[in-house]
PDB file of N, CA and C in Angstrom:
ATOM      1  N   UNK A   1     -30.719   7.955   4.276  1.00  0.00           N
ATOM      2  CA  UNK A   1     -31.066   7.805   5.670  1.00  0.00           C
ATOM      3  C   UNK A   1     -32.575   7.602   5.786  1.00  0.00           C
ATOM      4  N   UNK A   2     -32.956   6.742   6.708  1.00  0.00           N
ATOM      5  CA  UNK A   2     -34.374   6.467   6.932  1.00  0.00           C
ATOM      6  C   UNK A   2     -34.912   7.370   8.028  1.00  0.00           C
ATOM      7  N   UNK A   3     -36.116   7.900   7.797  1.00  0.00           N
ATOM      8  CA  UNK A   3     -36.739   8.711   8.838  1.00  0.00           C
ATOM      9  C   UNK A   3     -37.734   7.915   9.666  1.00  0.00           C
ATOM     10  N   UNK A   4     -37.985   6.659   9.269  1.00  0.00           N
ATOM     11  CA  UNK A   4     -38.933   5.813   9.986  1.00  0.00           C
ATOM     12  C   UNK A   4     -38.252   4.542  10.465  1.00  0.00           C
ATOM     13  N   UNK A   5     -38.739   3.996  11.567  1.00  0.00           N
ATOM     14  CA  UNK A   5     -38.288   2.702  12.045  1.00  0.00           C
ATOM     15  C   UNK A   5     -38.845   1.639  11.116  1.00  0.00           C
ATOM     16  N   UNK A   6     -38.034   0.623  10.782  1.00  0.00           N
ATOM     17  CA  UNK A   6     -38.475  -0.427   9.876  1.00  0.00           C
ATOM     18  C   UNK A   6     -38.165  -1.804  10.454  1.00  0.00           C
ATOM     19  N   UNK A   7     -38.951  -2.801  10.044  1.00  0.00           N
ATOM     20  CA  UNK A   7     -38.672  -4.194  10.370  1.00  0.00           C
ATOM     21  C   UNK A   7     -37.844  -4.774   9.232  1.00  0.00           C
ATOM     22  N   UNK A   8     -36.726  -5.427   9.580  1.00  0.00           N
ATOM     23  CA  UNK A   8     -35.822  -5.982   8.582  1.00  0.00           C
ATOM     24  C   UNK A   8     -35.710  -7.481   8.807  1.00  0.00           C
ATOM     25  N   UNK A   9     -35.842  -8.250   7.733  1.00  0.00           N
ATOM     26  CA  UNK A   9     -35.720  -9.693   7.821  1.00  0.00           C
ATOM     27  C   UNK A   9     -34.302 -10.067   8.206  1.00  0.00           C
ATOM     28  N   UNK A  10     -34.174 -10.966   9.184  1.00  0.00           N
ATOM     29  CA  UNK A  10     -32.873 -11.438   9.629  1.00  0.00           C
ATOM     30  C   UNK A  10     -32.780 -12.919   9.294  1.00  0.00           C
ATOM     31  N   UNK A  11     -31.947 -13.277   8.328  1.00  0.00           N
ATOM     32  CA  UNK A  11     -31.815 -14.644   7.855  1.00  0.00           C
ATOM     33  C   UNK A  11     -31.335 -15.594   8.952  1.00  0.00           C
ATOM     34  N   UNK A  12     -30.594 -15.072   9.933  1.00  0.00           N
ATOM     35  CA  UNK A  12     -30.004 -15.917  10.971  1.00  0.00           C
ATOM     36  C   UNK A  12     -31.023 -16.403  12.004  1.00  0.00           C
ATOM     37  N   UNK A  13     -32.182 -15.770  12.096  1.00  0.00           N
ATOM     38  CA  UNK A  13     -33.149 -16.194  13.110  1.00  0.00           C
ATOM     39  C   UNK A  13     -34.542 -16.330  12.517  1.00  0.00           C
ATOM     40  N   UNK A  14     -35.258 -17.383  12.894  1.00  0.00           N
ATOM     41  CA  UNK A  14     -36.649 -17.629  12.496  1.00  0.00           C
ATOM     42  C   UNK A  14     -36.845 -17.461  10.990  1.00  0.00           C
ATOM     43  N   UNK A  15     -36.238 -18.349  10.240  1.00  0.00           N
ATOM     44  CA  UNK A  15     -36.217 -18.267   8.779  1.00  0.00           C
ATOM     45  C   UNK A  15     -37.607 -18.181   8.147  1.00  0.00           C
ATOM     46  N   UNK A  16     -38.590 -18.904   8.712  1.00  0.00           N
ATOM     47  CA  UNK A  16     -39.918 -18.955   8.093  1.00  0.00           C
ATOM     48  C   UNK A  16     -40.959 -18.120   8.814  1.00  0.00           C
ATOM     49  N   UNK A  17     -40.550 -17.152   9.607  1.00  0.00           N
ATOM     50  CA  UNK A  17     -41.516 -16.449  10.438  1.00  0.00           C
ATOM     51  C   UNK A  17     -41.176 -14.966  10.550  1.00  0.00           C
ATOM     52  N   UNK A  18     -42.197 -14.132  10.662  1.00  0.00           N
ATOM     53  CA  UNK A  18     -41.953 -12.708  10.918  1.00  0.00           C
ATOM     54  C   UNK A  18     -41.282 -12.471  12.271  1.00  0.00           C
ATOM     55  N   UNK A  19     -41.285 -13.487  13.144  1.00  0.00           N
ATOM     56  CA  UNK A  19     -40.608 -13.349  14.431  1.00  0.00           C
ATOM     57  C   UNK A  19     -39.106 -13.169  14.239  1.00  0.00           C
ATOM     58  N   UNK A  20     -38.600 -13.503  13.062  1.00  0.00           N
ATOM     59  CA  UNK A  20     -37.187 -13.330  12.767  1.00  0.00           C
ATOM     60  C   UNK A  20     -36.822 -11.908  12.374  1.00  0.00           C
ATOM     61  N   UNK A  21     -37.826 -11.063  12.190  1.00  0.00           N
ATOM     62  CA  UNK A  21     -37.552  -9.674  11.836  1.00  0.00           C
ATOM     63  C   UNK A  21     -36.930  -8.946  13.012  1.00  0.00           C
ATOM     64  N   UNK A  22     -36.037  -8.028  12.710  1.00  0.00           N
ATOM     65  CA  UNK A  22     -35.476  -7.174  13.755  1.00  0.00           C
ATOM     66  C   UNK A  22     -35.839  -5.727  13.430  1.00  0.00           C
ATOM     67  N   UNK A  23     -36.019  -4.935  14.452  1.00  0.00           N
ATOM     68  CA  UNK A  23     -36.410  -3.536  14.280  1.00  0.00           C
ATOM     69  C   UNK A  23     -35.158  -2.685  14.145  1.00  0.00           C
ATOM     70  N   UNK A  24     -35.114  -1.898  13.081  1.00  0.00           N
ATOM     71  CA  UNK A  24     -33.992  -0.995  12.840  1.00  0.00           C
ATOM     72  C   UNK A  24     -34.483   0.425  13.088  1.00  0.00           C
ATOM     73  N   UNK A  25     -33.785   1.130  13.953  1.00  0.00           N
ATOM     74  CA  UNK A  25     -34.188   2.488  14.324  1.00  0.00           C
ATOM     75  C   UNK A  25     -34.033   3.452  13.157  1.00  0.00           C
ATOM     76  N   UNK A  26     -34.789   4.534  13.207  1.00  0.00           N
ATOM     77  CA  UNK A  26     -34.675   5.598  12.207  1.00  0.00           C
ATOM     78  C   UNK A  26     -33.295   6.238  12.311  1.00  0.00           C
ATOM     79  N   UNK A  27     -32.763   6.671  11.177  1.00  0.00           N
ATOM     80  CA  UNK A  27     -31.438   7.282  11.154  1.00  0.00           C
ATOM     81  C   UNK A  27     -31.451   8.724  11.647  1.00  0.00           C
ATOM     82  N   UNK A  28     -32.645   9.350  11.638  1.00  0.00           N
ATOM     83  CA  UNK A  28     -32.731  10.720  12.119  1.00  0.00           C
ATOM     84  C   UNK A  28     -34.152  11.022  12.551  1.00  0.00           C
ATOM     85  N   UNK A  29     -34.305  12.079  13.331  1.00  0.00           N
ATOM     86  CA  UNK A  29     -35.623  12.587  13.692  1.00  0.00           C
ATOM     87  C   UNK A  29     -35.655  14.072  13.352  1.00  0.00           C
ATOM     88  N   UNK A  30     -36.864  14.565  13.110  1.00  0.00           N
ATOM     89  CA  UNK A  30     -37.035  15.974  12.785  1.00  0.00           C
ATOM     90  C   UNK A  30     -38.105  16.552  13.692  1.00  0.00           C
ATOM     91  N   UNK A  31     -37.801  17.674  14.331  1.00  0.00           N
ATOM     92  CA  UNK A  31     -38.761  18.372  15.188  1.00  0.00           C
ATOM     93  C   UNK A  31     -39.264  19.593  14.428  1.00  0.00           C
ATOM     94  N   UNK A  32     -40.518  19.546  13.993  1.00  0.00           N
ATOM     95  CA  UNK A  32     -41.091  20.631  13.188  1.00  0.00           C
ATOM     96  C   UNK A  32     -41.226  21.920  13.980  1.00  0.00           C
ATOM     97  N   UNK A  33     -41.370  21.835  15.297  1.00  0.00           N
ATOM     98  CA  UNK A  33     -41.524  23.046  16.103  1.00  0.00           C
ATOM     99  C   UNK A  33     -40.234  23.867  16.157  1.00  0.00           C
ATOM    100  N   UNK A  34     -39.089  23.175  16.189  1.00  0.00           N
ATOM    101  CA  UNK A  34     -37.811  23.874  16.304  1.00  0.00           C
ATOM    102  C   UNK A  34     -36.972  23.798  15.032  1.00  0.00           C
ATOM    103  N   UNK A  35     -37.472  23.074  14.016  1.00  0.00           N
ATOM    104  CA  UNK A  35     -36.711  22.826  12.781  1.00  0.00           C
ATOM    105  C   UNK A  35     -35.367  22.169  13.068  1.00  0.00           C
ATOM    106  N   UNK A  36     -35.328  21.293  14.080  1.00  0.00           N
ATOM    107  CA  UNK A  36     -34.083  20.624  14.465  1.00  0.00           C
ATOM    108  C   UNK A  36     -34.064  19.197  13.922  1.00  0.00           C
ATOM    109  N   UNK A  37     -32.930  18.810  13.352  1.00  0.00           N
ATOM    110  CA  UNK A  37     -32.712  17.450  12.891  1.00  0.00           C
ATOM    111  C   UNK A  37     -31.719  16.804  13.847  1.00  0.00           C
ATOM    112  N   UNK A  38     -32.080  15.636  14.355  1.00  0.00           N
ATOM    113  CA  UNK A  38     -31.193  14.900  15.256  1.00  0.00           C
ATOM    114  C   UNK A  38     -30.791  13.606  14.560  1.00  0.00           C
ATOM    115  N   UNK A  39     -29.482  13.416  14.356  1.00  0.00           N
ATOM    116  CA  UNK A  39     -28.980  12.229  13.686  1.00  0.00           C
ATOM    117  C   UNK A  39     -28.725  11.126  14.693  1.00  0.00           C
ATOM    118  N   UNK A  40     -29.018   9.883  14.325  1.00  0.00           N
ATOM    119  CA  UNK A  40     -28.770   8.740  15.189  1.00  0.00           C
ATOM    120  C   UNK A  40     -27.275   8.545  15.401  1.00  0.00           C
ATOM    121  N   UNK A  41     -26.502   8.660  14.334  1.00  0.00           N
ATOM    122  CA  UNK A  41     -25.042   8.516  14.402  1.00  0.00           C
ATOM    123  C   UNK A  41     -24.379   9.810  13.951  1.00  0.00           C
ATOM    124  N   UNK A  42     -23.369  10.234  14.679  1.00  0.00           N
ATOM    125  CA  UNK A  42     -22.641  11.453  14.342  1.00  0.00           C
ATOM    126  C   UNK A  42     -21.775  11.207  13.110  1.00  0.00           C
ATOM    127  N   UNK A  43     -21.883  12.052  12.086  1.00  0.00           N
ATOM    128  CA  UNK A  43     -21.043  11.871  10.894  1.00  0.00           C
ATOM    129  C   UNK A  43     -19.569  12.105  11.218  1.00  0.00           C
ATOM    130  N   UNK A  44     -18.701  11.539  10.403  1.00  0.00           N
ATOM    131  CA  UNK A  44     -17.269  11.754  10.561  1.00  0.00           C
ATOM    132  C   UNK A  44     -16.939  13.220  10.309  1.00  0.00           C
ATOM    133  N   UNK A  45     -15.814  13.655  10.827  1.00  0.00           N
ATOM    134  CA  UNK A  45     -15.371  15.039  10.627  1.00  0.00           C
ATOM    135  C   UNK A  45     -15.252  15.323   9.129  1.00  0.00           C
ATOM    136  N   UNK A  46     -15.594  16.523   8.737  1.00  0.00           N
ATOM    137  CA  UNK A  46     -15.534  16.993   7.347  1.00  0.00           C
ATOM    138  C   UNK A  46     -16.493  16.247   6.414  1.00  0.00           C
ATOM    139  N   UNK A  47     -17.531  15.643   6.972  1.00  0.00           N
ATOM    140  CA  UNK A  47     -18.549  14.991   6.156  1.00  0.00           C
ATOM    141  C   UNK A  47     -19.607  16.016   5.788  1.00  0.00           C
ATOM    142  N   UNK A  48     -19.955  16.041   4.525  1.00  0.00           N
ATOM    143  CA  UNK A  48     -20.979  16.970   4.058  1.00  0.00           C
ATOM    144  C   UNK A  48     -22.349  16.298   4.192  1.00  0.00           C
ATOM    145  N   UNK A  49     -23.292  16.975   4.820  1.00  0.00           N
ATOM    146  CA  UNK A  49     -24.646  16.462   4.989  1.00  0.00           C
ATOM    147  C   UNK A  49     -25.578  17.362   4.187  1.00  0.00           C
ATOM    148  N   UNK A  50     -26.345  16.757   3.281  1.00  0.00           N
ATOM    149  CA  UNK A  50     -27.288  17.487   2.450  1.00  0.00           C
ATOM    150  C   UNK A  50     -28.700  17.069   2.840  1.00  0.00           C
ATOM    151  N   UNK A  51     -29.557  18.045   3.087  1.00  0.00           N
ATOM    152  CA  UNK A  51     -30.934  17.769   3.459  1.00  0.00           C
ATOM    153  C   UNK A  51     -31.813  18.028   2.244  1.00  0.00           C
ATOM    154  N   UNK A  52     -32.617  17.020   1.865  1.00  0.00           N
ATOM    155  CA  UNK A  52     -33.526  17.135   0.734  1.00  0.00           C
ATOM    156  C   UNK A  52     -34.932  16.948   1.267  1.00  0.00           C
ATOM    157  N   UNK A  53     -35.783  17.907   0.963  1.00  0.00           N
ATOM    158  CA  UNK A  53     -37.185  17.838   1.406  1.00  0.00           C
ATOM    159  C   UNK A  53     -38.051  17.573   0.185  1.00  0.00           C
ATOM    160  N   UNK A  54     -38.801  16.474   0.234  1.00  0.00           N
ATOM    161  CA  UNK A  54     -39.715  16.153  -0.857  1.00  0.00           C
ATOM    162  C   UNK A  54     -41.099  16.643  -0.487  1.00  0.00           C
ATOM    163  N   UNK A  55     -41.737  17.310  -1.429  1.00  0.00           N
ATOM    164  CA  UNK A  55     -43.079  17.830  -1.210  1.00  0.00           C
ATOM    165  C   UNK A  55     -44.010  17.171  -2.213  1.00  0.00           C
ATOM    166  N   UNK A  56     -45.048  16.528  -1.718  1.00  0.00           N
ATOM    167  CA  UNK A  56     -46.005  15.865  -2.597  1.00  0.00           C
ATOM    168  C   UNK A  56     -46.977  16.854  -3.207  1.00  0.00           C
ATOM    169  N   UNK A  57     -47.514  16.478  -4.344  1.00  0.00           N
ATOM    170  CA  UNK A  57     -48.493  17.314  -5.037  1.00  0.00           C
ATOM    171  C   UNK A  57     -49.712  16.452  -5.321  1.00  0.00           C
ATOM    172  N   UNK A  58     -50.879  16.949  -4.975  1.00  0.00           N
ATOM    173  CA  UNK A  58     -52.107  16.230  -5.267  1.00  0.00           C
ATOM    174  C   UNK A  58     -52.336  16.220  -6.765  1.00  0.00           C
ATOM    175  N   UNK A  59     -52.714  15.075  -7.294  1.00  0.00           N
ATOM    176  CA  UNK A  59     -52.926  14.955  -8.727  1.00  0.00           C
ATOM    177  C   UNK A  59     -54.266  15.526  -9.149  1.00  0.00           C
ATOM    178  N   UNK A  60     -55.221  15.611  -8.242  1.00  0.00           N
ATOM    179  CA  UNK A  60     -56.546  16.116  -8.590  1.00  0.00           C
ATOM    180  C   UNK A  60     -57.089  16.993  -7.480  1.00  0.00           C
ATOM    181  N   UNK A  61     -58.080  17.774  -7.825  1.00  0.00           N
ATOM    182  CA  UNK A  61     -58.849  18.506  -6.824  1.00  0.00           C
ATOM    183  C   UNK A  61     -59.857  17.518  -6.251  1.00  0.00           C
ATOM    184  N   UNK A  62     -60.087  17.567  -4.975  1.00  0.00           N
ATOM    185  CA  UNK A  62     -60.992  16.621  -4.341  1.00  0.00           C
ATOM    186  C   UNK A  62     -62.345  16.602  -5.057  1.00  0.00           C
ATOM    187  N   UNK A  63     -62.792  15.402  -5.441  1.00  0.00           N
ATOM    188  CA  UNK A  63     -64.076  15.252  -6.114  1.00  0.00           C
ATOM    189  C   UNK A  63     -63.999  15.293  -7.623  1.00  0.00           C
ATOM    190  N   UNK A  64     -62.819  15.549  -8.187  1.00  0.00           N
ATOM    191  CA  UNK A  64     -62.655  15.611  -9.637  1.00  0.00           C
ATOM    192  C   UNK A  64     -61.860  14.399 -10.090  1.00  0.00           C
ATOM    193  N   UNK A  65     -62.296  13.742 -11.148  1.00  0.00           N
ATOM    194  CA  UNK A  65     -61.556  12.587 -11.649  1.00  0.00           C
ATOM    195  C   UNK A  65     -60.279  13.055 -12.336  1.00  0.00           C
ATOM    196  N   UNK A  66     -59.292  12.174 -12.385  1.00  0.00           N
ATOM    197  CA  UNK A  66     -58.016  12.524 -13.006  1.00  0.00           C
ATOM    198  C   UNK A  66     -58.198  12.828 -14.491  1.00  0.00           C
ATOM    199  N   UNK A  67     -59.133  12.145 -15.142  1.00  0.00           N
ATOM    200  CA  UNK A  67     -59.379  12.389 -16.564  1.00  0.00           C
ATOM    201  C   UNK A  67     -59.938  13.767 -16.850  1.00  0.00           C
ATOM    202  N   UNK A  68     -60.606  14.373 -15.877  1.00  0.00           N
ATOM    203  CA  UNK A  68     -61.202  15.701 -16.066  1.00  0.00           C
ATOM    204  C   UNK A  68     -60.341  16.830 -15.498  1.00  0.00           C
ATOM    205  N   UNK A  69     -59.227  16.488 -14.886  1.00  0.00           N
ATOM    206  CA  UNK A  69     -58.367  17.489 -14.250  1.00  0.00           C
ATOM    207  C   UNK A  69     -57.495  18.167 -15.298  1.00  0.00           C
ATOM    208  N   UNK A  70     -57.260  19.449 -15.141  1.00  0.00           N
ATOM    209  CA  UNK A  70     -56.378  20.199 -16.031  1.00  0.00           C
ATOM    210  C   UNK A  70     -55.121  20.600 -15.263  1.00  0.00           C
ATOM    211  N   UNK A  71     -54.116  19.732 -15.297  1.00  0.00           N
ATOM    212  CA  UNK A  71     -52.795  20.065 -14.760  1.00  0.00           C
ATOM    213  C   UNK A  71     -51.764  19.274 -15.553  1.00  0.00           C
ATOM    214  N   UNK A  72     -50.495  19.506 -15.291  1.00  0.00           N
ATOM    215  CA  UNK A  72     -49.438  18.881 -16.091  1.00  0.00           C
ATOM    216  C   UNK A  72     -49.448  17.357 -15.968  1.00  0.00           C
ATOM    217  N   UNK A  73     -49.785  16.834 -14.807  1.00  0.00           N
ATOM    218  CA  UNK A  73     -49.802  15.383 -14.610  1.00  0.00           C
ATOM    219  C   UNK A  73     -50.903  14.759 -15.457  1.00  0.00           C
ATOM    220  N   UNK A  74     -52.110  15.301 -15.369  1.00  0.00           N
ATOM    221  CA  UNK A  74     -53.239  14.751 -16.129  1.00  0.00           C
ATOM    222  C   UNK A  74     -52.998  14.874 -17.632  1.00  0.00           C
ATOM    223  N   UNK A  75     -52.459  16.003 -18.085  1.00  0.00           N
ATOM    224  CA  UNK A  75     -52.189  16.174 -19.515  1.00  0.00           C
ATOM    225  C   UNK A  75     -51.148  15.166 -19.997  1.00  0.00           C
ATOM    226  N   UNK A  76     -50.120  14.911 -19.186  1.00  0.00           N
ATOM    227  CA  UNK A  76     -49.093  13.938 -19.541  1.00  0.00           C
ATOM    228  C   UNK A  76     -49.709  12.545 -19.677  1.00  0.00           C
ATOM    229  N   UNK A  77     -50.551  12.153 -18.744  1.00  0.00           N
ATOM    230  CA  UNK A  77     -51.178  10.832 -18.789  1.00  0.00           C
ATOM    231  C   UNK A  77     -52.135  10.696 -19.969  1.00  0.00           C
ATOM    232  N   UNK A  78     -52.888  11.753 -20.255  1.00  0.00           N
ATOM    233  CA  UNK A  78     -53.821  11.704 -21.379  1.00  0.00           C
ATOM    234  C   UNK A  78     -53.098  11.679 -22.722  1.00  0.00           C
ATOM    235  N   UNK A  79     -51.894  12.245 -22.791  1.00  0.00           N
ATOM    236  CA  UNK A  79     -51.153  12.316 -24.055  1.00  0.00           C
ATOM    237  C   UNK A  79     -50.621  10.958 -24.478  1.00  0.00           C
ATOM    238  N   UNK A  80     -50.405  10.059 -23.529  1.00  0.00           N
ATOM    239  CA  UNK A  80     -49.886   8.739 -23.861  1.00  0.00           C
ATOM    240  C   UNK A  80     -50.965   7.867 -24.459  1.00  0.00           C
ATOM    241  N   UNK A  81     -50.541   6.931 -25.286  1.00  0.00           N
ATOM    242  CA  UNK A  81     -51.497   5.986 -25.865  1.00  0.00           C
ATOM    243  C   UNK A  81     -51.109   4.596 -25.412  1.00  0.00           C
ATOM    244  N   UNK A  82     -52.088   3.743 -25.337  1.00  0.00           N
ATOM    245  CA  UNK A  82     -51.820   2.353 -24.982  1.00  0.00           C
ATOM    246  C   UNK A  82     -52.672   1.465 -25.865  1.00  0.00           C
ATOM    247  N   UNK A  83     -52.113   0.339 -26.222  1.00  0.00           N
ATOM    248  CA  UNK A  83     -52.851  -0.626 -27.041  1.00  0.00           C
ATOM    249  C   UNK A  83     -53.218  -1.793 -26.153  1.00  0.00           C
ATOM    250  N   UNK A  84     -54.489  -2.148 -26.167  1.00  0.00           N
ATOM    251  CA  UNK A  84     -54.955  -3.287 -25.384  1.00  0.00           C
ATOM    252  C   UNK A  84     -54.594  -4.576 -26.106  1.00  0.00           C
ATOM    253  N   UNK A  85     -54.169  -5.593 -25.361  1.00  0.00           N
ATOM    254  CA  UNK A  85     -53.855  -6.865 -26.025  1.00  0.00           C
ATOM    255  C   UNK A  85     -55.118  -7.510 -26.585  1.00  0.00           C
ATOM    256  N   UNK A  86     -54.975  -8.228 -27.672  1.00  0.00           N
ATOM    257  CA  UNK A  86     -56.132  -8.875 -28.289  1.00  0.00           C
ATOM    258  C   UNK A  86     -56.254 -10.302 -27.826  1.00  0.00           C
TER     259      UNK A  86
END
């Protein structure tokens, strides 16, 4: 489900122009004040709905380069090797 409104290309109208895009509404909204989720379409009876919340993690402390950072992401990147083409 999409939480944001998106523009979708519509092949049937304005083939060579962004004017052919149509706006598709978000599938749900979330109100952080009440922790309420409102679905655009009601699911069928006995449908299981699972909510997954993704939480981002900053790769570095502000002002520190990734090469000098000590965390699992930086260590993973530093452990890999790459060969430059000749």
